[in-house]
Every structure is written in structure tokens, then in C-alpha cells.
Amino acid sequence: MKKFIAVAGNIGVGKSTLVEKICQHMDWEPFYEPVTENPYLSDFYANMNAWSFHSQIFFLTHRLRIHQELIHFNGSVIQDRSIYEDAEIFARNLFLQGKMSQRDYQTYYSLYQTLADFLPPPDLVIYLRASEKTLLTRIKIRNRDYEKTIESDYLSQLNSLYERWIANFTFCPVLSVPADDLDFVAHPRHLNLILQKVQEKLTGKEEVIFNPMEVIEATD
């Protein structure tokens, strides 16, 4: 039976890597966060207050198109970042920072809610949770030029928004993964634990229960 899973989480938390690992083991099709040319981006960076609404509408439209492709894809798929995060995390953060007016944000969010109510949701959202320290370490390791200016306070604010969003998310079951302790790249047992939980086809929100001492005692 065809399945659709979305992997959610902050910048640098390991979403793309987990998508890749799950697809390798389950023979699913990965859908990574799309790189696209936003025609409003240069205007947005020149004047965020004036162009944040236009830019976010473009991203929402593009993410909606990707979501529709996922729904109509023949086989099982796993997505790197969902349509929900665009609105609940990044657009809301612009509003909280004063870079999107309340009127524009309310209009944008109303459109998003209408779309979200009509969209077929994923079968499962895997939420990767990590501290700002872990995120900064991983961002530094991957060494992307456009991420070098990211600061801990920004990641902390996004983390707070992610926690609020996931606590109130009801469209489908959620599997929360403690990404500070679980290293599914270096330790195969950690990946197997996540795969086991995914394959159980969760019926509600659950946490991966993990004892860090097992890392010391286990030999992979």
C-alpha cells in the first residue's frame, strides 16, 4: 500500500540525511526540499517588510504543487520538509520579527489553513528535535555559504515555533525523534530504531525512547 511520510525539523537537524537513509532501506522515492527561483527574492532582501507577503505566497504555491505531486505519485514517498512548516514556522517567524504586517499574515495564514484542510495529509510526520548547539555544530560541518550567518538566537526562535506547531498538529500521527542523542549516520542501531517505529504505522503521537548509555555499551 502506498505511503506518504514527511520529515520535519529545524535547519541542520538532519532531515535530508534521514530521508536518504529511509529510502535506502524501504525502497521509497525521496522528495527533497525543492530549489526554485523565487522572483520576489531580490525585492524581499531589499525591503523585507514590503515583499515578505509576496515571497511567502510564492513559496506556499510552489510547496502546494510539490504536495500534489506527492499525492499522485505511484509509489511510496518521503518528503524533506512539509507544506505546513512554510506557514507555521517560517512565515510566522517573519510576522513575529515585524517583517510581515498583521494584515498580510492573517490573509496568508487564512489561505494556508484553507489549503491545509483540503490537502490529503501524510500518513506520518517524523519530527527531528535538536538543541541549538547541535544544530550549529551540524550547520558548521556542512559548511554552506548561505548558512554561515545563522545565529543561535534565530535557531532558538525557530525551535520554539516548531515545538508549538508539533504540539498542536492533528492532521496525522507524529513520531518525535531526539536528534541530539540519536546519530542515525554513525550508529545503525539508531536508524533501525527509527525504521522500526515508522513501520509500526503509528496511530498517534509517540516519542522514540532512547537511553544514551546504550551508545556506550553497544557495539554496532
N, C-alpha and C. Protein backbone atom coordinates (compact mmCIF):
# COMPACT_ATOMS: atom_id res chain seq x y z
N MET A 1 0.84 -1.19 0.00
CA MET A 1 0.00 0.00 0.00
C MET A 1 0.88 1.24 0.00
N LYS A 2 0.52 2.21 -0.84
CA LYS A 2 1.28 3.45 -0.95
C LYS A 2 1.25 4.23 0.35
N LYS A 3 2.41 4.78 0.76
CA LYS A 3 2.52 5.58 1.96
C LYS A 3 3.19 6.91 1.66
N PHE A 4 2.89 7.90 2.49
CA PHE A 4 3.45 9.24 2.36
C PHE A 4 3.90 9.70 3.74
N ILE A 5 5.21 9.92 3.88
CA ILE A 5 5.78 10.39 5.15
C ILE A 5 6.50 11.71 4.90
N ALA A 6 6.39 12.63 5.85
CA ALA A 6 7.12 13.90 5.79
C ALA A 6 8.08 13.97 6.97
N VAL A 7 9.29 14.45 6.70
CA VAL A 7 10.29 14.64 7.76
C VAL A 7 10.41 16.13 8.02
N ALA A 8 10.17 16.52 9.28
CA ALA A 8 10.15 17.93 9.66
C ALA A 8 11.25 18.22 10.69
N GLY A 9 11.67 19.48 10.75
CA GLY A 9 12.66 19.86 11.74
C GLY A 9 13.43 21.10 11.34
N ASN A 10 14.15 21.64 12.29
CA ASN A 10 14.86 22.90 12.12
C ASN A 10 16.03 22.76 11.13
N ILE A 11 16.62 23.89 10.78
CA ILE A 11 17.76 23.94 9.87
C ILE A 11 18.93 23.15 10.46
N GLY A 12 19.49 22.23 9.69
CA GLY A 12 20.66 21.50 10.13
C GLY A 12 20.39 20.28 10.99
N VAL A 13 19.13 19.93 11.19
CA VAL A 13 18.80 18.84 12.11
C VAL A 13 19.02 17.46 11.52
N GLY A 14 19.12 17.36 10.18
CA GLY A 14 19.39 16.07 9.55
C GLY A 14 18.23 15.50 8.76
N LYS A 15 17.32 16.36 8.31
CA LYS A 15 16.14 15.89 7.57
C LYS A 15 16.52 15.16 6.28
N SER A 16 17.36 15.80 5.46
CA SER A 16 17.72 15.21 4.17
C SER A 16 18.45 13.88 4.33
N THR A 17 19.30 13.81 5.34
CA THR A 17 20.04 12.56 5.60
C THR A 17 19.09 11.45 6.00
N LEU A 18 18.12 11.75 6.87
CA LEU A 18 17.16 10.72 7.28
C LEU A 18 16.29 10.28 6.11
N VAL A 19 15.88 11.22 5.28
CA VAL A 19 15.10 10.87 4.08
C VAL A 19 15.89 9.88 3.22
N GLU A 20 17.15 10.18 3.00
CA GLU A 20 18.01 9.31 2.20
C GLU A 20 18.14 7.92 2.81
N LYS A 21 18.37 7.86 4.13
CA LYS A 21 18.55 6.57 4.81
C LYS A 21 17.28 5.73 4.76
N ILE A 22 16.14 6.35 5.01
CA ILE A 22 14.88 5.61 4.99
C ILE A 22 14.59 5.06 3.59
N CYS A 23 14.84 5.88 2.58
CA CYS A 23 14.60 5.44 1.19
C CYS A 23 15.51 4.27 0.82
N GLN A 24 16.74 4.29 1.29
CA GLN A 24 17.67 3.19 1.01
C GLN A 24 17.17 1.88 1.61
N HIS A 25 16.57 1.93 2.77
CA HIS A 25 16.15 0.72 3.47
C HIS A 25 14.74 0.27 3.07
N MET A 26 13.89 1.20 2.66
CA MET A 26 12.50 0.86 2.39
C MET A 26 12.14 0.95 0.92
N ASP A 27 13.11 1.34 0.08
CA ASP A 27 12.90 1.45 -1.36
C ASP A 27 11.75 2.40 -1.70
N TRP A 28 11.75 3.55 -1.04
CA TRP A 28 10.76 4.59 -1.30
C TRP A 28 11.39 5.68 -2.16
N GLU A 29 10.56 6.58 -2.67
CA GLU A 29 11.03 7.69 -3.50
C GLU A 29 11.22 8.94 -2.64
N PRO A 30 12.42 9.52 -2.65
CA PRO A 30 12.64 10.74 -1.86
C PRO A 30 12.19 11.99 -2.61
N PHE A 31 11.62 12.93 -1.88
CA PHE A 31 11.29 14.25 -2.41
C PHE A 31 11.97 15.28 -1.52
N TYR A 32 13.08 15.83 -2.01
CA TYR A 32 13.84 16.78 -1.20
C TYR A 32 13.28 18.19 -1.36
N GLU A 33 13.65 19.04 -0.41
CA GLU A 33 13.19 20.42 -0.46
C GLU A 33 13.60 21.03 -1.79
N PRO A 34 12.63 21.52 -2.57
CA PRO A 34 12.94 21.98 -3.93
C PRO A 34 13.71 23.28 -3.94
N VAL A 35 14.67 23.36 -4.85
CA VAL A 35 15.39 24.62 -5.08
C VAL A 35 14.72 25.30 -6.26
N THR A 36 14.19 26.48 -6.03
CA THR A 36 13.46 27.16 -7.09
C THR A 36 13.81 28.64 -7.11
N GLU A 37 13.59 29.28 -8.22
CA GLU A 37 13.90 30.69 -8.37
C GLU A 37 12.68 31.52 -7.97
N ASN A 38 12.75 32.11 -6.79
CA ASN A 38 11.67 32.96 -6.31
C ASN A 38 11.82 34.35 -6.94
N PRO A 39 10.87 34.78 -7.80
CA PRO A 39 11.03 36.07 -8.49
C PRO A 39 10.94 37.28 -7.55
N TYR A 40 10.50 37.05 -6.31
CA TYR A 40 10.38 38.15 -5.35
C TYR A 40 11.59 38.25 -4.41
N LEU A 41 12.53 37.30 -4.53
CA LEU A 41 13.57 37.18 -3.51
C LEU A 41 14.47 38.41 -3.42
N SER A 42 14.90 38.94 -4.56
CA SER A 42 15.77 40.11 -4.53
C SER A 42 15.05 41.31 -3.92
N ASP A 43 13.77 41.48 -4.26
CA ASP A 43 12.97 42.56 -3.67
C ASP A 43 12.80 42.34 -2.17
N PHE A 44 12.60 41.07 -1.79
CA PHE A 44 12.41 40.73 -0.39
C PHE A 44 13.63 41.11 0.45
N TYR A 45 14.81 40.76 -0.04
CA TYR A 45 16.02 41.09 0.71
C TYR A 45 16.31 42.59 0.74
N ALA A 46 15.81 43.29 -0.28
CA ALA A 46 16.00 44.75 -0.31
C ALA A 46 15.02 45.46 0.63
N ASN A 47 13.82 44.91 0.76
CA ASN A 47 12.79 45.51 1.62
C ASN A 47 11.86 44.41 2.12
N MET A 48 12.24 43.75 3.22
CA MET A 48 11.50 42.59 3.72
C MET A 48 10.07 42.94 4.11
N ASN A 49 9.87 44.10 4.71
CA ASN A 49 8.53 44.48 5.14
C ASN A 49 7.57 44.62 3.97
N ALA A 50 8.08 45.11 2.85
CA ALA A 50 7.21 45.34 1.69
C ALA A 50 6.96 44.07 0.88
N TRP A 51 7.91 43.13 0.91
CA TRP A 51 7.83 41.99 -0.01
C TRP A 51 7.73 40.62 0.66
N SER A 52 7.68 40.57 1.97
CA SER A 52 7.60 39.27 2.65
C SER A 52 6.33 38.51 2.30
N PHE A 53 5.21 39.21 2.20
CA PHE A 53 3.94 38.55 1.85
C PHE A 53 4.00 37.92 0.46
N HIS A 54 4.50 38.68 -0.51
CA HIS A 54 4.58 38.18 -1.89
C HIS A 54 5.50 36.96 -1.96
N SER A 55 6.64 37.06 -1.28
CA SER A 55 7.61 35.97 -1.30
C SER A 55 7.04 34.70 -0.69
N GLN A 56 6.36 34.83 0.46
CA GLN A 56 5.80 33.66 1.12
C GLN A 56 4.64 33.05 0.33
N ILE A 57 3.87 33.86 -0.35
CA ILE A 57 2.80 33.34 -1.22
C ILE A 57 3.39 32.51 -2.34
N PHE A 58 4.50 32.98 -2.90
CA PHE A 58 5.16 32.21 -3.95
C PHE A 58 5.62 30.85 -3.41
N PHE A 59 6.29 30.86 -2.25
CA PHE A 59 6.77 29.61 -1.67
C PHE A 59 5.62 28.66 -1.33
N LEU A 60 4.52 29.21 -0.82
CA LEU A 60 3.36 28.38 -0.48
C LEU A 60 2.78 27.74 -1.73
N THR A 61 2.68 28.50 -2.80
CA THR A 61 2.16 27.98 -4.07
C THR A 61 3.05 26.87 -4.60
N HIS A 62 4.35 27.09 -4.53
CA HIS A 62 5.30 26.08 -5.02
C HIS A 62 5.23 24.82 -4.16
N ARG A 63 5.15 25.00 -2.84
CA ARG A 63 5.07 23.84 -1.95
C ARG A 63 3.76 23.07 -2.17
N LEU A 64 2.68 23.78 -2.47
CA LEU A 64 1.39 23.14 -2.77
C LEU A 64 1.51 22.26 -4.01
N ARG A 65 2.20 22.76 -5.02
CA ARG A 65 2.39 21.99 -6.25
C ARG A 65 3.18 20.70 -5.97
N ILE A 66 4.21 20.80 -5.14
CA ILE A 66 5.00 19.63 -4.77
C ILE A 66 4.16 18.63 -3.99
N HIS A 67 3.34 19.13 -3.08
CA HIS A 67 2.47 18.25 -2.28
C HIS A 67 1.51 17.48 -3.20
N GLN A 68 0.98 18.15 -4.20
CA GLN A 68 0.08 17.49 -5.14
C GLN A 68 0.82 16.40 -5.93
N GLU A 69 2.05 16.67 -6.30
CA GLU A 69 2.85 15.65 -7.00
C GLU A 69 3.07 14.43 -6.11
N LEU A 70 3.31 14.65 -4.83
CA LEU A 70 3.50 13.55 -3.90
C LEU A 70 2.24 12.69 -3.80
N ILE A 71 1.09 13.35 -3.74
CA ILE A 71 -0.17 12.63 -3.61
C ILE A 71 -0.43 11.75 -4.83
N HIS A 72 -0.07 12.23 -6.01
CA HIS A 72 -0.36 11.50 -7.24
C HIS A 72 0.77 10.57 -7.68
N PHE A 73 1.86 10.55 -6.95
CA PHE A 73 2.97 9.66 -7.28
C PHE A 73 2.54 8.21 -7.07
N ASN A 74 2.99 7.31 -7.95
CA ASN A 74 2.50 5.92 -7.92
C ASN A 74 2.96 5.15 -6.69
N GLY A 75 4.21 5.37 -6.26
CA GLY A 75 4.75 4.59 -5.15
C GLY A 75 4.77 5.35 -3.84
N SER A 76 5.36 4.75 -2.82
CA SER A 76 5.50 5.38 -1.52
C SER A 76 6.58 6.46 -1.57
N VAL A 77 6.36 7.54 -0.84
CA VAL A 77 7.25 8.69 -0.90
C VAL A 77 7.56 9.20 0.51
N ILE A 78 8.72 9.86 0.62
CA ILE A 78 9.07 10.53 1.87
C ILE A 78 9.61 11.91 1.53
N GLN A 79 9.10 12.92 2.19
CA GLN A 79 9.36 14.31 1.84
C GLN A 79 10.26 15.00 2.86
N ASP A 80 11.21 15.75 2.35
CA ASP A 80 12.09 16.59 3.17
C ASP A 80 11.41 17.95 3.34
N ARG A 81 10.84 18.19 4.52
CA ARG A 81 10.11 19.40 4.91
C ARG A 81 8.75 19.48 4.21
N SER A 82 7.73 19.82 4.99
CA SER A 82 6.36 19.81 4.53
C SER A 82 5.82 21.20 4.25
N ILE A 83 4.65 21.23 3.64
CA ILE A 83 3.97 22.50 3.36
C ILE A 83 3.60 23.21 4.66
N TYR A 84 3.35 22.43 5.71
CA TYR A 84 2.93 23.01 6.98
C TYR A 84 4.00 23.92 7.58
N GLU A 85 5.26 23.55 7.40
CA GLU A 85 6.35 24.30 8.01
C GLU A 85 6.53 25.68 7.40
N ASP A 86 6.22 25.82 6.12
CA ASP A 86 6.32 27.12 5.47
C ASP A 86 5.49 28.16 6.23
N ALA A 87 4.26 27.77 6.57
CA ALA A 87 3.34 28.70 7.21
C ALA A 87 3.54 28.78 8.72
N GLU A 88 3.61 27.61 9.35
CA GLU A 88 3.62 27.55 10.81
C GLU A 88 4.95 28.00 11.41
N ILE A 89 6.02 27.88 10.65
CA ILE A 89 7.34 28.22 11.19
C ILE A 89 7.91 29.49 10.54
N PHE A 90 8.14 29.43 9.25
CA PHE A 90 8.91 30.49 8.61
C PHE A 90 8.10 31.77 8.34
N ALA A 91 6.86 31.62 7.87
CA ALA A 91 6.04 32.82 7.68
C ALA A 91 5.68 33.44 9.03
N ARG A 92 5.36 32.60 10.01
CA ARG A 92 5.04 33.13 11.34
C ARG A 92 6.24 33.83 11.95
N ASN A 93 7.43 33.30 11.71
CA ASN A 93 8.63 33.95 12.25
C ASN A 93 8.82 35.34 11.64
N LEU A 94 8.54 35.48 10.35
CA LEU A 94 8.62 36.80 9.72
C LEU A 94 7.64 37.78 10.39
N PHE A 95 6.45 37.28 10.68
CA PHE A 95 5.45 38.12 11.36
C PHE A 95 5.93 38.52 12.75
N LEU A 96 6.44 37.56 13.50
CA LEU A 96 6.90 37.85 14.86
C LEU A 96 8.09 38.81 14.88
N GLN A 97 8.90 38.76 13.83
CA GLN A 97 10.05 39.66 13.72
C GLN A 97 9.66 41.05 13.21
N GLY A 98 8.37 41.24 12.90
CA GLY A 98 7.91 42.52 12.39
C GLY A 98 8.20 42.74 10.93
N LYS A 99 8.51 41.66 10.20
CA LYS A 99 8.83 41.78 8.78
C LYS A 99 7.65 41.45 7.88
N MET A 100 6.51 41.10 8.48
CA MET A 100 5.25 40.93 7.76
C MET A 100 4.16 41.55 8.63
N SER A 101 3.32 42.37 8.01
CA SER A 101 2.28 43.06 8.77
C SER A 101 1.23 42.06 9.26
N GLN A 102 0.49 42.44 10.28
CA GLN A 102 -0.56 41.56 10.81
C GLN A 102 -1.62 41.30 9.75
N ARG A 103 -1.98 42.31 8.99
CA ARG A 103 -2.98 42.14 7.93
C ARG A 103 -2.52 41.12 6.89
N ASP A 104 -1.27 41.27 6.44
CA ASP A 104 -0.75 40.34 5.44
C ASP A 104 -0.63 38.93 6.01
N TYR A 105 -0.16 38.83 7.25
CA TYR A 105 -0.01 37.50 7.84
C TYR A 105 -1.36 36.81 8.02
N GLN A 106 -2.37 37.55 8.44
CA GLN A 106 -3.70 36.96 8.62
C GLN A 106 -4.26 36.49 7.29
N THR A 107 -4.05 37.26 6.23
CA THR A 107 -4.51 36.86 4.90
C THR A 107 -3.77 35.61 4.43
N TYR A 108 -2.44 35.63 4.60
CA TYR A 108 -1.62 34.48 4.21
C TYR A 108 -2.03 33.24 4.98
N TYR A 109 -2.17 33.37 6.31
CA TYR A 109 -2.45 32.21 7.15
C TYR A 109 -3.85 31.65 6.89
N SER A 110 -4.80 32.53 6.58
CA SER A 110 -6.15 32.07 6.23
C SER A 110 -6.13 31.24 4.95
N LEU A 111 -5.35 31.68 3.97
CA LEU A 111 -5.20 30.91 2.73
C LEU A 111 -4.56 29.56 3.01
N TYR A 112 -3.49 29.57 3.80
CA TYR A 112 -2.81 28.32 4.16
C TYR A 112 -3.76 27.35 4.86
N GLN A 113 -4.54 27.83 5.83
CA GLN A 113 -5.46 26.96 6.56
C GLN A 113 -6.50 26.34 5.64
N THR A 114 -7.00 27.13 4.68
CA THR A 114 -7.97 26.60 3.72
C THR A 114 -7.36 25.50 2.88
N LEU A 115 -6.13 25.71 2.41
CA LEU A 115 -5.43 24.70 1.63
C LEU A 115 -5.15 23.45 2.46
N ALA A 116 -4.68 23.65 3.68
CA ALA A 116 -4.32 22.52 4.54
C ALA A 116 -5.52 21.64 4.85
N ASP A 117 -6.69 22.24 4.97
CA ASP A 117 -7.90 21.47 5.26
C ASP A 117 -8.31 20.60 4.08
N PHE A 118 -7.96 21.02 2.86
CA PHE A 118 -8.34 20.26 1.67
C PHE A 118 -7.28 19.24 1.25
N LEU A 119 -6.02 19.49 1.63
CA LEU A 119 -4.93 18.61 1.19
C LEU A 119 -4.97 17.26 1.92
N PRO A 120 -4.79 16.16 1.19
CA PRO A 120 -4.61 14.88 1.88
C PRO A 120 -3.33 14.93 2.70
N PRO A 121 -3.40 14.65 3.99
CA PRO A 121 -2.21 14.77 4.84
C PRO A 121 -1.28 13.57 4.66
N PRO A 122 -0.04 13.66 5.15
CA PRO A 122 0.85 12.49 5.15
C PRO A 122 0.27 11.40 6.06
N ASP A 123 0.79 10.20 5.89
CA ASP A 123 0.44 9.12 6.82
C ASP A 123 1.17 9.28 8.14
N LEU A 124 2.30 9.99 8.10
CA LEU A 124 3.11 10.16 9.30
C LEU A 124 4.04 11.35 9.11
N VAL A 125 4.23 12.14 10.17
CA VAL A 125 5.27 13.16 10.20
C VAL A 125 6.34 12.72 11.20
N ILE A 126 7.59 12.66 10.73
CA ILE A 126 8.72 12.40 11.62
C ILE A 126 9.32 13.74 11.98
N TYR A 127 9.27 14.09 13.26
CA TYR A 127 9.79 15.38 13.72
C TYR A 127 11.13 15.17 14.40
N LEU A 128 12.18 15.72 13.81
CA LEU A 128 13.53 15.67 14.38
C LEU A 128 13.73 16.87 15.30
N ARG A 129 14.02 16.59 16.56
CA ARG A 129 14.18 17.64 17.56
C ARG A 129 15.64 17.72 18.00
N ALA A 130 16.23 18.92 17.99
CA ALA A 130 17.63 19.08 18.41
C ALA A 130 17.83 20.45 19.04
N SER A 131 18.82 20.55 19.92
CA SER A 131 19.16 21.82 20.57
C SER A 131 19.87 22.74 19.58
N GLU A 132 19.92 24.03 19.95
CA GLU A 132 20.61 24.99 19.09
C GLU A 132 22.10 24.63 18.96
N LYS A 133 22.70 24.11 20.02
CA LYS A 133 24.11 23.73 19.98
C LYS A 133 24.35 22.65 18.94
N THR A 134 23.51 21.63 18.93
CA THR A 134 23.64 20.56 17.93
C THR A 134 23.43 21.09 16.53
N LEU A 135 22.43 21.94 16.35
CA LEU A 135 22.14 22.50 15.02
C LEU A 135 23.31 23.31 14.49
N LEU A 136 23.88 24.17 15.34
CA LEU A 136 25.02 24.99 14.92
C LEU A 136 26.22 24.13 14.55
N THR A 137 26.45 23.07 15.31
CA THR A 137 27.56 22.16 15.01
C THR A 137 27.38 21.51 13.65
N ARG A 138 26.19 21.04 13.37
CA ARG A 138 25.93 20.37 12.09
C ARG A 138 25.94 21.35 10.93
N ILE A 139 25.44 22.57 11.15
CA ILE A 139 25.49 23.60 10.11
C ILE A 139 26.94 23.94 9.77
N LYS A 140 27.78 24.01 10.79
CA LYS A 140 29.19 24.32 10.58
C LYS A 140 29.88 23.20 9.79
N ILE A 141 29.54 21.96 10.10
CA ILE A 141 30.16 20.82 9.43
C ILE A 141 29.82 20.80 7.94
N ARG A 142 28.57 21.08 7.60
CA ARG A 142 28.21 21.02 6.17
C ARG A 142 28.66 22.25 5.40
N ASN A 143 28.98 23.35 6.09
CA ASN A 143 29.74 24.47 5.51
C ASN A 143 29.10 25.06 4.25
N ARG A 144 27.82 25.42 4.36
CA ARG A 144 27.15 26.08 3.23
C ARG A 144 27.29 27.60 3.41
N ASP A 145 27.70 28.28 2.34
CA ASP A 145 27.97 29.71 2.43
C ASP A 145 26.77 30.50 2.96
N TYR A 146 25.58 30.19 2.45
CA TYR A 146 24.40 30.99 2.81
C TYR A 146 23.91 30.71 4.23
N GLU A 147 24.52 29.71 4.91
CA GLU A 147 24.12 29.41 6.28
C GLU A 147 25.13 29.93 7.32
N LYS A 148 26.22 30.54 6.85
CA LYS A 148 27.28 30.94 7.77
C LYS A 148 26.89 32.08 8.71
N THR A 149 25.84 32.81 8.36
CA THR A 149 25.42 33.94 9.20
C THR A 149 24.31 33.55 10.18
N ILE A 150 23.87 32.30 10.16
CA ILE A 150 22.81 31.85 11.06
C ILE A 150 23.31 31.86 12.50
N GLU A 151 22.53 32.47 13.38
CA GLU A 151 22.93 32.59 14.78
C GLU A 151 22.05 31.72 15.68
N SER A 152 22.54 31.48 16.89
CA SER A 152 21.85 30.62 17.84
C SER A 152 20.46 31.16 18.19
N ASP A 153 20.33 32.48 18.34
CA ASP A 153 19.04 33.08 18.71
C ASP A 153 17.98 32.80 17.65
N TYR A 154 18.38 32.85 16.39
CA TYR A 154 17.45 32.58 15.29
C TYR A 154 16.99 31.12 15.34
N LEU A 155 17.92 30.21 15.54
CA LEU A 155 17.57 28.79 15.63
C LEU A 155 16.70 28.52 16.85
N SER A 156 16.97 29.24 17.94
CA SER A 156 16.17 29.09 19.15
C SER A 156 14.72 29.51 18.92
N GLN A 157 14.54 30.61 18.20
CA GLN A 157 13.19 31.07 17.90
C GLN A 157 12.46 30.08 17.00
N LEU A 158 13.16 29.55 16.02
CA LEU A 158 12.55 28.54 15.15
C LEU A 158 12.21 27.29 15.94
N ASN A 159 13.10 26.89 16.85
CA ASN A 159 12.83 25.72 17.69
C ASN A 159 11.54 25.90 18.50
N SER A 160 11.36 27.09 19.05
CA SER A 160 10.15 27.37 19.83
C SER A 160 8.90 27.26 18.95
N LEU A 161 8.99 27.77 17.73
CA LEU A 161 7.86 27.68 16.82
C LEU A 161 7.59 26.24 16.40
N TYR A 162 8.65 25.47 16.19
CA TYR A 162 8.49 24.05 15.85
C TYR A 162 7.79 23.30 16.99
N GLU A 163 8.20 23.56 18.23
CA GLU A 163 7.60 22.87 19.37
C GLU A 163 6.12 23.22 19.51
N ARG A 164 5.80 24.48 19.32
CA ARG A 164 4.39 24.90 19.39
C ARG A 164 3.58 24.24 18.28
N TRP A 165 4.15 24.22 17.07
CA TRP A 165 3.43 23.63 15.94
C TRP A 165 3.19 22.14 16.15
N ILE A 166 4.23 21.40 16.52
CA ILE A 166 4.10 19.95 16.61
C ILE A 166 3.18 19.55 17.76
N ALA A 167 3.14 20.36 18.81
CA ALA A 167 2.27 20.06 19.95
C ALA A 167 0.79 20.18 19.58
N ASN A 168 0.49 20.98 18.57
CA ASN A 168 -0.90 21.20 18.16
C ASN A 168 -1.23 20.59 16.80
N PHE A 169 -0.31 19.82 16.25
CA PHE A 169 -0.51 19.23 14.92
C PHE A 169 -1.43 18.02 15.03
N THR A 170 -2.50 18.00 14.25
CA THR A 170 -3.52 16.93 14.35
C THR A 170 -3.86 16.27 13.02
N PHE A 171 -3.19 16.67 11.94
CA PHE A 171 -3.55 16.12 10.63
C PHE A 171 -3.20 14.64 10.49
N CYS A 172 -2.16 14.18 11.19
CA CYS A 172 -1.72 12.79 11.10
C CYS A 172 -0.87 12.47 12.31
N PRO A 173 -0.54 11.18 12.53
CA PRO A 173 0.35 10.81 13.64
C PRO A 173 1.73 11.46 13.51
N VAL A 174 2.38 11.66 14.66
CA VAL A 174 3.71 12.27 14.71
C VAL A 174 4.65 11.35 15.47
N LEU A 175 5.83 11.15 14.89
CA LEU A 175 6.91 10.43 15.57
C LEU A 175 8.01 11.43 15.88
N SER A 176 8.22 11.73 17.16
CA SER A 176 9.26 12.69 17.56
C SER A 176 10.56 11.96 17.86
N VAL A 177 11.64 12.43 17.27
CA VAL A 177 12.94 11.77 17.38
C VAL A 177 13.93 12.71 18.07
N PRO A 178 14.56 12.31 19.18
CA PRO A 178 15.55 13.15 19.87
C PRO A 178 16.88 13.15 19.12
N ALA A 179 17.05 14.10 18.20
CA ALA A 179 18.20 14.09 17.29
C ALA A 179 19.50 14.49 17.95
N ASP A 180 19.46 15.03 19.17
CA ASP A 180 20.72 15.30 19.88
C ASP A 180 21.44 13.99 20.22
N ASP A 181 20.68 12.98 20.60
CA ASP A 181 21.25 11.72 21.07
C ASP A 181 21.30 10.63 20.01
N LEU A 182 20.33 10.66 19.09
CA LEU A 182 20.28 9.62 18.06
C LEU A 182 21.11 10.03 16.85
N ASP A 183 22.18 9.32 16.59
CA ASP A 183 23.02 9.57 15.42
C ASP A 183 22.80 8.42 14.45
N PHE A 184 21.83 8.61 13.54
CA PHE A 184 21.45 7.52 12.63
C PHE A 184 22.43 7.37 11.47
N VAL A 185 23.46 8.20 11.42
CA VAL A 185 24.53 8.03 10.43
C VAL A 185 25.63 7.14 10.99
N ALA A 186 26.07 7.44 12.21
CA ALA A 186 27.19 6.71 12.81
C ALA A 186 26.76 5.40 13.46
N HIS A 187 25.51 5.30 13.88
CA HIS A 187 25.07 4.12 14.63
C HIS A 187 23.87 3.46 13.94
N PRO A 188 24.08 2.36 13.24
CA PRO A 188 22.99 1.67 12.55
C PRO A 188 21.83 1.30 13.47
N ARG A 189 22.13 1.00 14.74
CA ARG A 189 21.04 0.64 15.66
C ARG A 189 20.07 1.80 15.87
N HIS A 190 20.58 3.02 15.82
CA HIS A 190 19.71 4.18 15.97
C HIS A 190 18.77 4.29 14.77
N LEU A 191 19.30 4.08 13.58
CA LEU A 191 18.47 4.11 12.39
C LEU A 191 17.43 2.98 12.43
N ASN A 192 17.85 1.81 12.86
CA ASN A 192 16.92 0.68 12.94
C ASN A 192 15.79 0.96 13.91
N LEU A 193 16.08 1.68 14.99
CA LEU A 193 15.04 2.04 15.94
C LEU A 193 13.99 2.93 15.29
N ILE A 194 14.45 3.91 14.52
CA ILE A 194 13.52 4.81 13.83
C ILE A 194 12.72 4.04 12.78
N LEU A 195 13.40 3.18 12.01
CA LEU A 195 12.72 2.39 10.99
C LEU A 195 11.65 1.50 11.61
N GLN A 196 11.96 0.93 12.75
CA GLN A 196 11.01 0.07 13.44
C GLN A 196 9.75 0.85 13.82
N LYS A 197 9.95 2.06 14.35
CA LYS A 197 8.81 2.89 14.73
C LYS A 197 7.98 3.31 13.52
N VAL A 198 8.66 3.63 12.43
CA VAL A 198 7.95 4.02 11.22
C VAL A 198 7.10 2.87 10.71
N GLN A 199 7.67 1.68 10.68
CA GLN A 199 6.98 0.52 10.14
C GLN A 199 5.82 0.06 11.01
N GLU A 200 5.78 0.49 12.25
CA GLU A 200 4.66 0.14 13.12
C GLU A 200 3.37 0.88 12.75
N LYS A 201 3.48 1.84 11.85
CA LYS A 201 2.32 2.62 11.41
C LYS A 201 1.59 3.20 12.61
N LEU A 202 2.22 4.19 13.15
CA LEU A 202 1.72 4.81 14.38
C LEU A 202 0.27 5.28 14.23
N THR A 203 -0.46 5.14 15.32
CA THR A 203 -1.84 5.62 15.35
C THR A 203 -1.98 6.91 16.14
N GLY A 204 -0.91 7.39 16.69
CA GLY A 204 -0.94 8.64 17.45
C GLY A 204 0.46 9.16 17.66
N LYS A 205 0.58 10.24 18.40
CA LYS A 205 1.88 10.84 18.67
C LYS A 205 2.66 9.99 19.66
N GLU A 206 3.90 9.72 19.34
CA GLU A 206 4.77 8.95 20.22
C GLU A 206 6.18 9.50 20.17
N GLU A 207 6.93 9.20 21.19
CA GLU A 207 8.34 9.59 21.28
C GLU A 207 9.21 8.36 21.11
N VAL A 208 10.37 8.52 20.48
CA VAL A 208 11.38 7.47 20.49
C VAL A 208 12.04 7.50 21.87
N ILE A 209 11.93 6.42 22.62
CA ILE A 209 12.54 6.34 23.93
C ILE A 209 13.96 5.82 23.77
N PHE A 210 14.92 6.64 24.19
CA PHE A 210 16.32 6.30 23.91
C PHE A 210 17.16 6.54 25.16
N ASN A 211 17.96 5.56 25.53
CA ASN A 211 18.88 5.67 26.66
C ASN A 211 20.28 5.91 26.14
N PRO A 212 20.84 7.11 26.37
CA PRO A 212 22.20 7.42 25.85
C PRO A 212 23.25 6.42 26.31
N MET A 213 23.05 5.77 27.46
CA MET A 213 24.03 4.81 27.95
C MET A 213 24.16 3.62 27.02
N GLU A 214 23.10 3.35 26.23
CA GLU A 214 23.16 2.23 25.30
C GLU A 214 24.22 2.45 24.23
N VAL A 215 24.51 3.72 23.93
CA VAL A 215 25.53 4.04 22.93
C VAL A 215 26.90 3.57 23.42
N ILE A 216 27.13 3.77 24.72
CA ILE A 216 28.41 3.40 25.30
C ILE A 216 28.57 1.89 25.34
N GLU A 217 27.46 1.20 25.65
CA GLU A 217 27.53 -0.24 25.84
C GLU A 217 27.45 -1.00 24.52
N ALA A 218 26.80 -0.38 23.52
CA ALA A 218 26.55 -1.10 22.26
C ALA A 218 27.76 -1.04 21.34
N THR A 219 27.95 -2.06 20.59
CA THR A 219 28.97 -2.07 19.53
C THR A 219 28.25 -2.36 18.22
N ASP A 220 28.24 -1.40 17.33
CA ASP A 220 27.50 -1.55 16.08
C ASP A 220 28.30 -2.38 15.08
